[in-house]
């Protein structure tokens, strides 16, 4: 399970970091966005391979693919929030973030049953 968790965390963290970095440093124009995404292809590929491997292995262990997808989504959005605060520098309502993550955790708990 540690390998599965590590793969989910790596894939989610890499994708959310790339998105946050793009928002902060890449102008919202066609060619700079294309150039950035082409440069990031190796990391995108590595993140997707990690996530695919984690999904396959976790589904073999847990036998509940929606649960695995929900946990990965929770992890991805957690890193989006972290990188938004620390990398992009945006302010975030702590109360709304707690409510949002609580609702996601409740959904994961329901899927687990």
PDB file of N, CA and C in Angstrom:
ATOM      1  N   UNK A   1       0.812  -1.210   0.000  1.00  0.00           N
ATOM      2  CA  UNK A   1       0.000   0.000   0.000  1.00  0.00           C
ATOM      3  C   UNK A   1       0.846   1.260   0.000  1.00  0.00           C
ATOM      4  N   UNK A   2       2.037   1.198   0.576  1.00  0.00           N
ATOM      5  CA  UNK A   2       2.892   2.390   0.616  1.00  0.00           C
ATOM      6  C   UNK A   2       3.310   2.802  -0.794  1.00  0.00           C
ATOM      7  N   UNK A   3       3.592   1.823  -1.652  1.00  0.00           N
ATOM      8  CA  UNK A   3       3.964   2.134  -3.039  1.00  0.00           C
ATOM      9  C   UNK A   3       2.785   2.774  -3.761  1.00  0.00           C
ATOM     10  N   UNK A   4       1.588   2.249  -3.535  1.00  0.00           N
ATOM     11  CA  UNK A   4       0.393   2.801  -4.159  1.00  0.00           C
ATOM     12  C   UNK A   4       0.177   4.237  -3.700  1.00  0.00           C
ATOM     13  N   UNK A   5       0.277   4.474  -2.405  1.00  0.00           N
ATOM     14  CA  UNK A   5       0.103   5.835  -1.876  1.00  0.00           C
ATOM     15  C   UNK A   5       1.171   6.766  -2.440  1.00  0.00           C
ATOM     16  N   UNK A   6       2.397   6.300  -2.509  1.00  0.00           N
ATOM     17  CA  UNK A   6       3.475   7.122  -3.059  1.00  0.00           C
ATOM     18  C   UNK A   6       3.237   7.489  -4.518  1.00  0.00           C
ATOM     19  N   UNK A   7       2.762   6.518  -5.308  1.00  0.00           N
ATOM     20  CA  UNK A   7       2.474   6.788  -6.712  1.00  0.00           C
ATOM     21  C   UNK A   7       1.320   7.776  -6.866  1.00  0.00           C
ATOM     22  N   UNK A   8       0.274   7.611  -6.059  1.00  0.00           N
ATOM     23  CA  UNK A   8      -0.853   8.555  -6.103  1.00  0.00           C
ATOM     24  C   UNK A   8      -0.410   9.960  -5.701  1.00  0.00           C
ATOM     25  N   UNK A   9       0.392  10.036  -4.669  1.00  0.00           N
ATOM     26  CA  UNK A   9       0.866  11.345  -4.209  1.00  0.00           C
ATOM     27  C   UNK A   9       1.771  11.984  -5.255  1.00  0.00           C
ATOM     28  N   UNK A  10       2.717  11.222  -5.805  1.00  0.00           N
ATOM     29  CA  UNK A  10       3.613  11.779  -6.821  1.00  0.00           C
ATOM     30  C   UNK A  10       2.837  12.285  -8.029  1.00  0.00           C
ATOM     31  N   UNK A  11       1.943  11.455  -8.566  1.00  0.00           N
ATOM     32  CA  UNK A  11       1.186  11.847  -9.758  1.00  0.00           C
ATOM     33  C   UNK A  11       0.319  13.063  -9.514  1.00  0.00           C
ATOM     34  N   UNK A  12      -0.370  13.082  -8.388  1.00  0.00           N
ATOM     35  CA  UNK A  12      -1.235  14.217  -8.062  1.00  0.00           C
ATOM     36  C   UNK A  12      -0.423  15.478  -7.814  1.00  0.00           C
ATOM     37  N   UNK A  13       0.687  15.335  -7.109  1.00  0.00           N
ATOM     38  CA  UNK A  13       1.523  16.494  -6.803  1.00  0.00           C
ATOM     39  C   UNK A  13       2.142  17.058  -8.078  1.00  0.00           C
ATOM     40  N   UNK A  14       2.634  16.199  -8.950  1.00  0.00           N
ATOM     41  CA  UNK A  14       3.265  16.672 -10.181  1.00  0.00           C
ATOM     42  C   UNK A  14       2.272  17.420 -11.059  1.00  0.00           C
ATOM     43  N   UNK A  15       1.087  16.859 -11.240  1.00  0.00           N
ATOM     44  CA  UNK A  15       0.095  17.516 -12.089  1.00  0.00           C
ATOM     45  C   UNK A  15      -0.387  18.835 -11.491  1.00  0.00           C
ATOM     46  N   UNK A  16      -0.617  18.863 -10.187  1.00  0.00           N
ATOM     47  CA  UNK A  16      -1.075  20.109  -9.570  1.00  0.00           C
ATOM     48  C   UNK A  16       0.030  21.160  -9.556  1.00  0.00           C
ATOM     49  N   UNK A  17       1.291  20.740  -9.400  1.00  0.00           N
ATOM     50  CA  UNK A  17       2.398  21.688  -9.457  1.00  0.00           C
ATOM     51  C   UNK A  17       2.508  22.301 -10.850  1.00  0.00           C
ATOM     52  N   UNK A  18       2.411  21.460 -11.883  1.00  0.00           N
ATOM     53  CA  UNK A  18       2.508  21.976 -13.249  1.00  0.00           C
ATOM     54  C   UNK A  18       1.398  22.975 -13.550  1.00  0.00           C
ATOM     55  N   UNK A  19       0.196  22.682 -13.086  1.00  0.00           N
ATOM     56  CA  UNK A  19      -0.925  23.597 -13.294  1.00  0.00           C
ATOM     57  C   UNK A  19      -0.691  24.913 -12.561  1.00  0.00           C
ATOM     58  N   UNK A  20      -0.272  24.851 -11.322  1.00  0.00           N
ATOM     59  CA  UNK A  20      -0.026  26.065 -10.541  1.00  0.00           C
ATOM     60  C   UNK A  20       1.119  26.882 -11.131  1.00  0.00           C
ATOM     61  N   UNK A  21       2.176  26.221 -11.553  1.00  0.00           N
ATOM     62  CA  UNK A  21       3.308  26.909 -12.157  1.00  0.00           C
ATOM     63  C   UNK A  21       2.870  27.616 -13.442  1.00  0.00           C
ATOM     64  N   UNK A  22       2.036  26.935 -14.220  1.00  0.00           N
ATOM     65  CA  UNK A  22       1.552  27.523 -15.465  1.00  0.00           C
ATOM     66  C   UNK A  22       0.728  28.774 -15.186  1.00  0.00           C
ATOM     67  N   UNK A  23      -0.136  28.710 -14.195  1.00  0.00           N
ATOM     68  CA  UNK A  23      -0.962  29.869 -13.846  1.00  0.00           C
ATOM     69  C   UNK A  23      -0.090  31.042 -13.423  1.00  0.00           C
ATOM     70  N   UNK A  24       0.967  30.760 -12.676  1.00  0.00           N
ATOM     71  CA  UNK A  24       1.829  31.816 -12.140  1.00  0.00           C
ATOM     72  C   UNK A  24       2.791  32.388 -13.190  1.00  0.00           C
ATOM     73  N   UNK A  25       3.354  31.547 -14.054  1.00  0.00           N
ATOM     74  CA  UNK A  25       4.477  31.976 -14.873  1.00  0.00           C
ATOM     75  C   UNK A  25       4.260  31.961 -16.387  1.00  0.00           C
ATOM     76  N   UNK A  26       3.185  31.377 -16.873  1.00  0.00           N
ATOM     77  CA  UNK A  26       2.992  31.282 -18.330  1.00  0.00           C
ATOM     78  C   UNK A  26       1.862  32.208 -18.740  1.00  0.00           C
ATOM     79  N   UNK A  27       2.129  33.107 -19.693  1.00  0.00           N
ATOM     80  CA  UNK A  27       1.057  34.008 -20.137  1.00  0.00           C
ATOM     81  C   UNK A  27      -0.082  33.228 -20.791  1.00  0.00           C
ATOM     82  N   UNK A  28      -1.268  33.756 -20.675  1.00  0.00           N
ATOM     83  CA  UNK A  28      -2.468  33.091 -21.200  1.00  0.00           C
ATOM     84  C   UNK A  28      -2.618  33.367 -22.693  1.00  0.00           C
ATOM     85  N   UNK A  29      -1.625  32.929 -23.437  1.00  0.00           N
ATOM     86  CA  UNK A  29      -1.624  33.045 -24.894  1.00  0.00           C
ATOM     87  C   UNK A  29      -1.330  31.665 -25.468  1.00  0.00           C
ATOM     88  N   UNK A  30      -1.759  31.449 -26.696  1.00  0.00           N
ATOM     89  CA  UNK A  30      -1.701  30.118 -27.286  1.00  0.00           C
ATOM     90  C   UNK A  30      -0.286  29.536 -27.324  1.00  0.00           C
ATOM     91  N   UNK A  31       0.654  30.218 -27.928  1.00  0.00           N
ATOM     92  CA  UNK A  31       1.995  29.650 -28.124  1.00  0.00           C
ATOM     93  C   UNK A  31       2.768  29.441 -26.823  1.00  0.00           C
ATOM     94  N   UNK A  32       2.730  30.376 -25.867  1.00  0.00           N
ATOM     95  CA  UNK A  32       3.418  30.083 -24.604  1.00  0.00           C
ATOM     96  C   UNK A  32       2.823  28.879 -23.858  1.00  0.00           C
ATOM     97  N   UNK A  33       1.515  28.714 -23.932  1.00  0.00           N
ATOM     98  CA  UNK A  33       0.880  27.572 -23.276  1.00  0.00           C
ATOM     99  C   UNK A  33       1.273  26.271 -23.978  1.00  0.00           C
ATOM    100  N   UNK A  34       1.286  26.279 -25.299  1.00  0.00           N
ATOM    101  CA  UNK A  34       1.698  25.088 -26.050  1.00  0.00           C
ATOM    102  C   UNK A  34       3.151  24.754 -25.740  1.00  0.00           C
ATOM    103  N   UNK A  35       4.012  25.777 -25.757  1.00  0.00           N
ATOM    104  CA  UNK A  35       5.439  25.558 -25.472  1.00  0.00           C
ATOM    105  C   UNK A  35       5.633  24.966 -24.078  1.00  0.00           C
ATOM    106  N   UNK A  36       4.941  25.525 -23.101  1.00  0.00           N
ATOM    107  CA  UNK A  36       5.053  25.027 -21.728  1.00  0.00           C
ATOM    108  C   UNK A  36       4.622  23.563 -21.645  1.00  0.00           C
ATOM    109  N   UNK A  37       3.496  23.248 -22.253  1.00  0.00           N
ATOM    110  CA  UNK A  37       3.000  21.874 -22.180  1.00  0.00           C
ATOM    111  C   UNK A  37       3.896  20.894 -22.926  1.00  0.00           C
ATOM    112  N   UNK A  38       4.499  21.320 -24.026  1.00  0.00           N
ATOM    113  CA  UNK A  38       5.439  20.455 -24.735  1.00  0.00           C
ATOM    114  C   UNK A  38       6.678  20.216 -23.871  1.00  0.00           C
ATOM    115  N   UNK A  39       7.162  21.278 -23.215  1.00  0.00           N
ATOM    116  CA  UNK A  39       8.320  21.120 -22.331  1.00  0.00           C
ATOM    117  C   UNK A  39       8.007  20.216 -21.136  1.00  0.00           C
ATOM    118  N   UNK A  40       6.768  20.223 -20.697  1.00  0.00           N
ATOM    119  CA  UNK A  40       6.369  19.433 -19.530  1.00  0.00           C
ATOM    120  C   UNK A  40       5.941  18.010 -19.884  1.00  0.00           C
ATOM    121  N   UNK A  41       5.963  17.655 -21.155  1.00  0.00           N
ATOM    122  CA  UNK A  41       5.514  16.315 -21.558  1.00  0.00           C
ATOM    123  C   UNK A  41       6.180  15.176 -20.793  1.00  0.00           C
ATOM    124  N   UNK A  42       7.493  15.190 -20.576  1.00  0.00           N
ATOM    125  CA  UNK A  42       8.082  14.080 -19.809  1.00  0.00           C
ATOM    126  C   UNK A  42       7.508  13.971 -18.390  1.00  0.00           C
ATOM    127  N   UNK A  43       7.294  15.111 -17.728  1.00  0.00           N
ATOM    128  CA  UNK A  43       6.725  15.069 -16.375  1.00  0.00           C
ATOM    129  C   UNK A  43       5.256  14.664 -16.403  1.00  0.00           C
ATOM    130  N   UNK A  44       4.525  15.132 -17.405  1.00  0.00           N
ATOM    131  CA  UNK A  44       3.124  14.728 -17.563  1.00  0.00           C
ATOM    132  C   UNK A  44       3.050  13.224 -17.777  1.00  0.00           C
ATOM    133  N   UNK A  45       3.926  12.701 -18.616  1.00  0.00           N
ATOM    134  CA  UNK A  45       3.957  11.263 -18.874  1.00  0.00           C
ATOM    135  C   UNK A  45       4.291  10.483 -17.606  1.00  0.00           C
ATOM    136  N   UNK A  46       5.300  10.940 -16.871  1.00  0.00           N
ATOM    137  CA  UNK A  46       5.681  10.257 -15.630  1.00  0.00           C
ATOM    138  C   UNK A  46       4.542  10.287 -14.613  1.00  0.00           C
ATOM    139  N   UNK A  47       3.874  11.425 -14.483  1.00  0.00           N
ATOM    140  CA  UNK A  47       2.762  11.534 -13.537  1.00  0.00           C
ATOM    141  C   UNK A  47       1.616  10.613 -13.931  1.00  0.00           C
ATOM    142  N   UNK A  48       1.308  10.556 -15.218  1.00  0.00           N
ATOM    143  CA  UNK A  48       0.210   9.696 -15.661  1.00  0.00           C
ATOM    144  C   UNK A  48       0.551   8.219 -15.557  1.00  0.00           C
ATOM    145  N   UNK A  49       1.807   7.867 -15.779  1.00  0.00           N
ATOM    146  CA  UNK A  49       2.225   6.474 -15.586  1.00  0.00           C
ATOM    147  C   UNK A  49       2.118   6.100 -14.108  1.00  0.00           C
ATOM    148  N   UNK A  50       2.548   7.004 -13.236  1.00  0.00           N
ATOM    149  CA  UNK A  50       2.446   6.755 -11.788  1.00  0.00           C
ATOM    150  C   UNK A  50       0.988   6.583 -11.376  1.00  0.00           C
ATOM    151  N   UNK A  51       0.127   7.467 -11.863  1.00  0.00           N
ATOM    152  CA  UNK A  51      -1.294   7.369 -11.507  1.00  0.00           C
ATOM    153  C   UNK A  51      -1.933   6.101 -12.063  1.00  0.00           C
ATOM    154  N   UNK A  52      -1.612   5.763 -13.301  1.00  0.00           N
ATOM    155  CA  UNK A  52      -2.186   4.546 -13.893  1.00  0.00           C
ATOM    156  C   UNK A  52      -1.746   3.305 -13.130  1.00  0.00           C
ATOM    157  N   UNK A  53      -0.469   3.250 -12.785  1.00  0.00           N
ATOM    158  CA  UNK A  53       0.037   2.115 -12.010  1.00  0.00           C
ATOM    159  C   UNK A  53      -0.629   2.050 -10.648  1.00  0.00           C
ATOM    160  N   UNK A  54      -0.786   3.208 -10.010  1.00  0.00           N
ATOM    161  CA  UNK A  54      -1.438   3.242  -8.693  1.00  0.00           C
ATOM    162  C   UNK A  54      -2.897   2.800  -8.796  1.00  0.00           C
ATOM    163  N   UNK A  55      -3.599   3.266  -9.812  1.00  0.00           N
ATOM    164  CA  UNK A  55      -5.004   2.871  -9.974  1.00  0.00           C
ATOM    165  C   UNK A  55      -5.126   1.366 -10.182  1.00  0.00           C
ATOM    166  N   UNK A  56      -4.279   0.794 -11.016  1.00  0.00           N
ATOM    167  CA  UNK A  56      -4.351  -0.643 -11.291  1.00  0.00           C
ATOM    168  C   UNK A  56      -4.046  -1.449 -10.030  1.00  0.00           C
ATOM    169  N   UNK A  57      -2.965  -1.086  -9.337  1.00  0.00           N
ATOM    170  CA  UNK A  57      -2.591  -1.820  -8.120  1.00  0.00           C
ATOM    171  C   UNK A  57      -3.624  -1.623  -7.006  1.00  0.00           C
ATOM    172  N   UNK A  58      -4.106  -0.406  -6.840  1.00  0.00           N
ATOM    173  CA  UNK A  58      -5.082  -0.142  -5.778  1.00  0.00           C
ATOM    174  C   UNK A  58      -6.394  -0.859  -6.051  1.00  0.00           C
ATOM    175  N   UNK A  59      -6.789  -0.922  -7.314  1.00  0.00           N
ATOM    176  CA  UNK A  59      -8.023  -1.636  -7.636  1.00  0.00           C
ATOM    177  C   UNK A  59      -7.887  -3.123  -7.353  1.00  0.00           C
ATOM    178  N   UNK A  60      -6.691  -3.686  -7.542  1.00  0.00           N
ATOM    179  CA  UNK A  60      -6.458  -5.091  -7.203  1.00  0.00           C
ATOM    180  C   UNK A  60      -6.572  -5.321  -5.696  1.00  0.00           C
ATOM    181  N   UNK A  61      -6.129  -4.346  -4.904  1.00  0.00           N
ATOM    182  CA  UNK A  61      -6.140  -4.485  -3.442  1.00  0.00           C
ATOM    183  C   UNK A  61      -7.507  -4.151  -2.865  1.00  0.00           C
ATOM    184  N   UNK A  62      -8.057  -2.999  -3.261  1.00  0.00           N
ATOM    185  CA  UNK A  62      -9.279  -2.476  -2.635  1.00  0.00           C
ATOM    186  C   UNK A  62     -10.544  -2.997  -3.310  1.00  0.00           C
ATOM    187  N   UNK A  63     -10.471  -3.271  -4.596  1.00  0.00           N
ATOM    188  CA  UNK A  63     -11.626  -3.732  -5.389  1.00  0.00           C
ATOM    189  C   UNK A  63     -12.750  -2.698  -5.411  1.00  0.00           C
ATOM    190  N   UNK A  64     -12.375  -1.416  -5.419  1.00  0.00           N
ATOM    191  CA  UNK A  64     -13.359  -0.337  -5.440  1.00  0.00           C
ATOM    192  C   UNK A  64     -12.741   0.841  -6.185  1.00  0.00           C
ATOM    193  N   UNK A  65     -12.863   0.834  -7.514  1.00  0.00           N
ATOM    194  CA  UNK A  65     -12.245   1.868  -8.332  1.00  0.00           C
ATOM    195  C   UNK A  65     -12.782   3.268  -8.040  1.00  0.00           C
ATOM    196  N   UNK A  66     -14.096   3.464  -7.815  1.00  0.00           N
ATOM    197  CA  UNK A  66     -14.558   4.809  -7.466  1.00  0.00           C
ATOM    198  C   UNK A  66     -13.906   5.349  -6.187  1.00  0.00           C
ATOM    199  N   UNK A  67     -13.667   4.489  -5.229  1.00  0.00           N
ATOM    200  CA  UNK A  67     -12.998   4.910  -3.999  1.00  0.00           C
ATOM    201  C   UNK A  67     -11.569   5.365  -4.295  1.00  0.00           C
ATOM    202  N   UNK A  68     -10.861   4.607  -5.115  1.00  0.00           N
ATOM    203  CA  UNK A  68      -9.487   4.970  -5.469  1.00  0.00           C
ATOM    204  C   UNK A  68      -9.479   6.305  -6.220  1.00  0.00           C
ATOM    205  N   UNK A  69     -10.410   6.482  -7.138  1.00  0.00           N
ATOM    206  CA  UNK A  69     -10.491   7.745  -7.887  1.00  0.00           C
ATOM    207  C   UNK A  69     -10.826   8.910  -6.966  1.00  0.00           C
ATOM    208  N   UNK A  70     -11.689   8.689  -5.994  1.00  0.00           N
ATOM    209  CA  UNK A  70     -12.040   9.752  -5.052  1.00  0.00           C
ATOM    210  C   UNK A  70     -10.849  10.134  -4.180  1.00  0.00           C
ATOM    211  N   UNK A  71     -10.085   9.158  -3.731  1.00  0.00           N
ATOM    212  CA  UNK A  71      -8.896   9.440  -2.922  1.00  0.00           C
ATOM    213  C   UNK A  71      -7.874  10.209  -3.756  1.00  0.00           C
ATOM    214  N   UNK A  72      -7.699   9.822  -5.011  1.00  0.00           N
ATOM    215  CA  UNK A  72      -6.756  10.532  -5.877  1.00  0.00           C
ATOM    216  C   UNK A  72      -7.222  11.961  -6.116  1.00  0.00           C
ATOM    217  N   UNK A  73      -8.506  12.164  -6.336  1.00  0.00           N
ATOM    218  CA  UNK A  73      -9.042  13.516  -6.535  1.00  0.00           C
ATOM    219  C   UNK A  73      -8.843  14.369  -5.291  1.00  0.00           C
ATOM    220  N   UNK A  74      -9.088  13.790  -4.129  1.00  0.00           N
ATOM    221  CA  UNK A  74      -8.881  14.498  -2.867  1.00  0.00           C
ATOM    222  C   UNK A  74      -7.419  14.938  -2.756  1.00  0.00           C
ATOM    223  N   UNK A  75      -6.507  14.024  -3.065  1.00  0.00           N
ATOM    224  CA  UNK A  75      -5.076  14.322  -2.996  1.00  0.00           C
ATOM    225  C   UNK A  75      -4.704  15.418  -3.990  1.00  0.00           C
ATOM    226  N   UNK A  76      -5.215  15.328  -5.202  1.00  0.00           N
ATOM    227  CA  UNK A  76      -4.935  16.323  -6.238  1.00  0.00           C
ATOM    228  C   UNK A  76      -5.414  17.707  -5.791  1.00  0.00           C
ATOM    229  N   UNK A  77      -6.641  17.796  -5.296  1.00  0.00           N
ATOM    230  CA  UNK A  77      -7.178  19.096  -4.881  1.00  0.00           C
ATOM    231  C   UNK A  77      -6.473  19.628  -3.644  1.00  0.00           C
ATOM    232  N   UNK A  78      -6.021  18.750  -2.775  1.00  0.00           N
ATOM    233  CA  UNK A  78      -5.236  19.192  -1.623  1.00  0.00           C
ATOM    234  C   UNK A  78      -3.967  19.894  -2.102  1.00  0.00           C
ATOM    235  N   UNK A  79      -3.257  19.287  -3.059  1.00  0.00           N
ATOM    236  CA  UNK A  79      -2.040  19.898  -3.575  1.00  0.00           C
ATOM    237  C   UNK A  79      -2.333  21.166  -4.367  1.00  0.00           C
ATOM    238  N   UNK A  80      -3.465  21.216  -5.065  1.00  0.00           N
ATOM    239  CA  UNK A  80      -3.855  22.451  -5.751  1.00  0.00           C
ATOM    240  C   UNK A  80      -3.981  23.582  -4.739  1.00  0.00           C
ATOM    241  N   UNK A  81      -4.634  23.309  -3.612  1.00  0.00           N
ATOM    242  CA  UNK A  81      -4.791  24.332  -2.572  1.00  0.00           C
ATOM    243  C   UNK A  81      -3.429  24.752  -2.019  1.00  0.00           C
ATOM    244  N   UNK A  82      -2.584  23.785  -1.712  1.00  0.00           N
ATOM    245  CA  UNK A  82      -1.261  24.093  -1.160  1.00  0.00           C
ATOM    246  C   UNK A  82      -0.448  24.933  -2.133  1.00  0.00           C
ATOM    247  N   UNK A  83      -0.398  24.530  -3.396  1.00  0.00           N
ATOM    248  CA  UNK A  83       0.395  25.275  -4.374  1.00  0.00           C
ATOM    249  C   UNK A  83      -0.235  26.628  -4.693  1.00  0.00           C
ATOM    250  N   UNK A  84      -1.549  26.728  -4.627  1.00  0.00           N
ATOM    251  CA  UNK A  84      -2.204  28.018  -4.842  1.00  0.00           C
ATOM    252  C   UNK A  84      -1.799  29.006  -3.763  1.00  0.00           C
ATOM    253  N   UNK A  85      -1.726  28.538  -2.540  1.00  0.00           N
ATOM    254  CA  UNK A  85      -1.356  29.418  -1.434  1.00  0.00           C
ATOM    255  C   UNK A  85       0.126  29.770  -1.493  1.00  0.00           C
ATOM    256  N   UNK A  86       0.992  28.775  -1.625  1.00  0.00           N
ATOM    257  CA  UNK A  86       2.427  29.009  -1.498  1.00  0.00           C
ATOM    258  C   UNK A  86       3.129  29.391  -2.797  1.00  0.00           C
ATOM    259  N   UNK A  87       2.652  28.914  -3.943  1.00  0.00           N
ATOM    260  CA  UNK A  87       3.333  29.200  -5.198  1.00  0.00           C
ATOM    261  C   UNK A  87       2.694  30.386  -5.919  1.00  0.00           C
ATOM    262  N   UNK A  88       1.379  30.345  -6.037  1.00  0.00           N
ATOM    263  CA  UNK A  88       0.679  31.410  -6.753  1.00  0.00           C
ATOM    264  C   UNK A  88       0.515  32.637  -5.858  1.00  0.00           C
ATOM    265  N   UNK A  89       0.372  32.413  -4.553  1.00  0.00           N
ATOM    266  CA  UNK A  89       0.269  33.516  -3.615  1.00  0.00           C
ATOM    267  C   UNK A  89      -1.137  34.047  -3.411  1.00  0.00           C
ATOM    268  N   UNK A  90      -2.125  33.255  -3.743  1.00  0.00           N
ATOM    269  CA  UNK A  90      -3.502  33.707  -3.563  1.00  0.00           C
ATOM    270  C   UNK A  90      -3.973  33.431  -2.146  1.00  0.00           C
ATOM    271  N   UNK A  91      -4.880  34.263  -1.692  1.00  0.00           N
ATOM    272  CA  UNK A  91      -5.488  34.079  -0.380  1.00  0.00           C
ATOM    273  C   UNK A  91      -6.657  33.106  -0.523  1.00  0.00           C
ATOM    274  N   UNK A  92      -6.875  32.345   0.515  1.00  0.00           N
ATOM    275  CA  UNK A  92      -7.913  31.325   0.472  1.00  0.00           C
ATOM    276  C   UNK A  92      -8.709  31.374   1.761  1.00  0.00           C
ATOM    277  N   UNK A  93     -10.014  31.255   1.653  1.00  0.00           N
ATOM    278  CA  UNK A  93     -10.860  31.207   2.834  1.00  0.00           C
ATOM    279  C   UNK A  93     -10.684  29.846   3.506  1.00  0.00           C
ATOM    280  N   UNK A  94     -10.144  29.866   4.715  1.00  0.00           N
ATOM    281  CA  UNK A  94      -9.888  28.619   5.438  1.00  0.00           C
ATOM    282  C   UNK A  94     -11.194  27.878   5.707  1.00  0.00           C
ATOM    283  N   UNK A  95     -12.216  28.601   6.069  1.00  0.00           N
ATOM    284  CA  UNK A  95     -13.513  27.977   6.352  1.00  0.00           C
ATOM    285  C   UNK A  95     -14.074  27.244   5.147  1.00  0.00           C
ATOM    286  N   UNK A  96     -14.031  27.898   3.996  1.00  0.00           N
ATOM    287  CA  UNK A  96     -14.537  27.259   2.773  1.00  0.00           C
ATOM    288  C   UNK A  96     -13.683  26.051   2.384  1.00  0.00           C
ATOM    289  N   UNK A  97     -12.385  26.168   2.557  1.00  0.00           N
ATOM    290  CA  UNK A  97     -11.509  25.039   2.240  1.00  0.00           C
ATOM    291  C   UNK A  97     -11.813  23.853   3.147  1.00  0.00           C
ATOM    292  N   UNK A  98     -12.008  24.114   4.431  1.00  0.00           N
ATOM    293  CA  UNK A  98     -12.317  23.038   5.380  1.00  0.00           C
ATOM    294  C   UNK A  98     -13.655  22.395   5.024  1.00  0.00           C
ATOM    295  N   UNK A  99     -14.649  23.202   4.686  1.00  0.00           N
ATOM    296  CA  UNK A  99     -15.955  22.661   4.301  1.00  0.00           C
ATOM    297  C   UNK A  99     -15.825  21.822   3.032  1.00  0.00           C
ATOM    298  N   UNK A 100     -15.093  22.325   2.059  1.00  0.00           N
ATOM    299  CA  UNK A 100     -14.919  21.589   0.805  1.00  0.00           C
ATOM    300  C   UNK A 100     -14.229  20.253   1.004  1.00  0.00           C
ATOM    301  N   UNK A 101     -13.128  20.261   1.759  1.00  0.00           N
ATOM    302  CA  UNK A 101     -12.423  19.011   1.998  1.00  0.00           C
ATOM    303  C   UNK A 101     -13.230  18.065   2.887  1.00  0.00           C
ATOM    304  N   UNK A 102     -14.028  18.614   3.779  1.00  0.00           N
ATOM    305  CA  UNK A 102     -14.897  17.766   4.609  1.00  0.00           C
ATOM    306  C   UNK A 102     -15.951  17.076   3.751  1.00  0.00           C
ATOM    307  N   UNK A 103     -16.507  17.803   2.795  1.00  0.00           N
ATOM    308  CA  UNK A 103     -17.484  17.188   1.894  1.00  0.00           C
ATOM    309  C   UNK A 103     -16.836  16.100   1.036  1.00  0.00           C
ATOM    310  N   UNK A 104     -15.615  16.354   0.573  1.00  0.00           N
ATOM    311  CA  UNK A 104     -14.919  15.309  -0.196  1.00  0.00           C
ATOM    312  C   UNK A 104     -14.622  14.100   0.690  1.00  0.00           C
ATOM    313  N   UNK A 105     -14.210  14.337   1.923  1.00  0.00           N
ATOM    314  CA  UNK A 105     -13.929  13.219   2.833  1.00  0.00           C
ATOM    315  C   UNK A 105     -15.205  12.433   3.122  1.00  0.00           C
ATOM    316  N   UNK A 106     -16.322  13.134   3.266  1.00  0.00           N
ATOM    317  CA  UNK A 106     -17.599  12.442   3.482  1.00  0.00           C
ATOM    318  C   UNK A 106     -17.952  11.581   2.280  1.00  0.00           C
ATOM    319  N   UNK A 107     -17.701  12.096   1.076  1.00  0.00           N
ATOM    320  CA  UNK A 107     -17.949  11.314  -0.134  1.00  0.00           C
ATOM    321  C   UNK A 107     -17.077  10.074  -0.206  1.00  0.00           C
ATOM    322  N   UNK A 108     -15.822  10.217   0.181  1.00  0.00           N
ATOM    323  CA  UNK A 108     -14.914   9.061   0.202  1.00  0.00           C
ATOM    324  C   UNK A 108     -15.404   8.043   1.227  1.00  0.00           C
ATOM    325  N   UNK A 109     -15.847   8.523   2.392  1.00  0.00           N
ATOM    326  CA  UNK A 109     -16.345   7.623   3.422  1.00  0.00           C
ATOM    327  C   UNK A 109     -17.582   6.872   2.927  1.00  0.00           C
ATOM    328  N   UNK A 110     -18.466   7.553   2.192  1.00  0.00           N
ATOM    329  CA  UNK A 110     -19.662   6.899   1.647  1.00  0.00           C
ATOM    330  C   UNK A 110     -19.266   5.858   0.623  1.00  0.00           C
ATOM    331  N   UNK A 111     -18.304   6.183  -0.237  1.00  0.00           N
ATOM    332  CA  UNK A 111     -17.857   5.221  -1.244  1.00  0.00           C
ATOM    333  C   UNK A 111     -17.190   3.996  -0.631  1.00  0.00           C
ATOM    334  N   UNK A 112     -16.586   4.193   0.525  1.00  0.00           N
ATOM    335  CA  UNK A 112     -15.889   3.100   1.193  1.00  0.00           C
ATOM    336  C   UNK A 112     -16.859   2.045   1.722  1.00  0.00           C
ATOM    337  N   UNK A 113     -18.059   2.454   2.036  1.00  0.00           N
ATOM    338  CA  UNK A 113     -19.052   1.532   2.598  1.00  0.00           C
ATOM    339  C   UNK A 113     -19.548   0.554   1.576  1.00  0.00           C
TER     340      UNK A 113
END
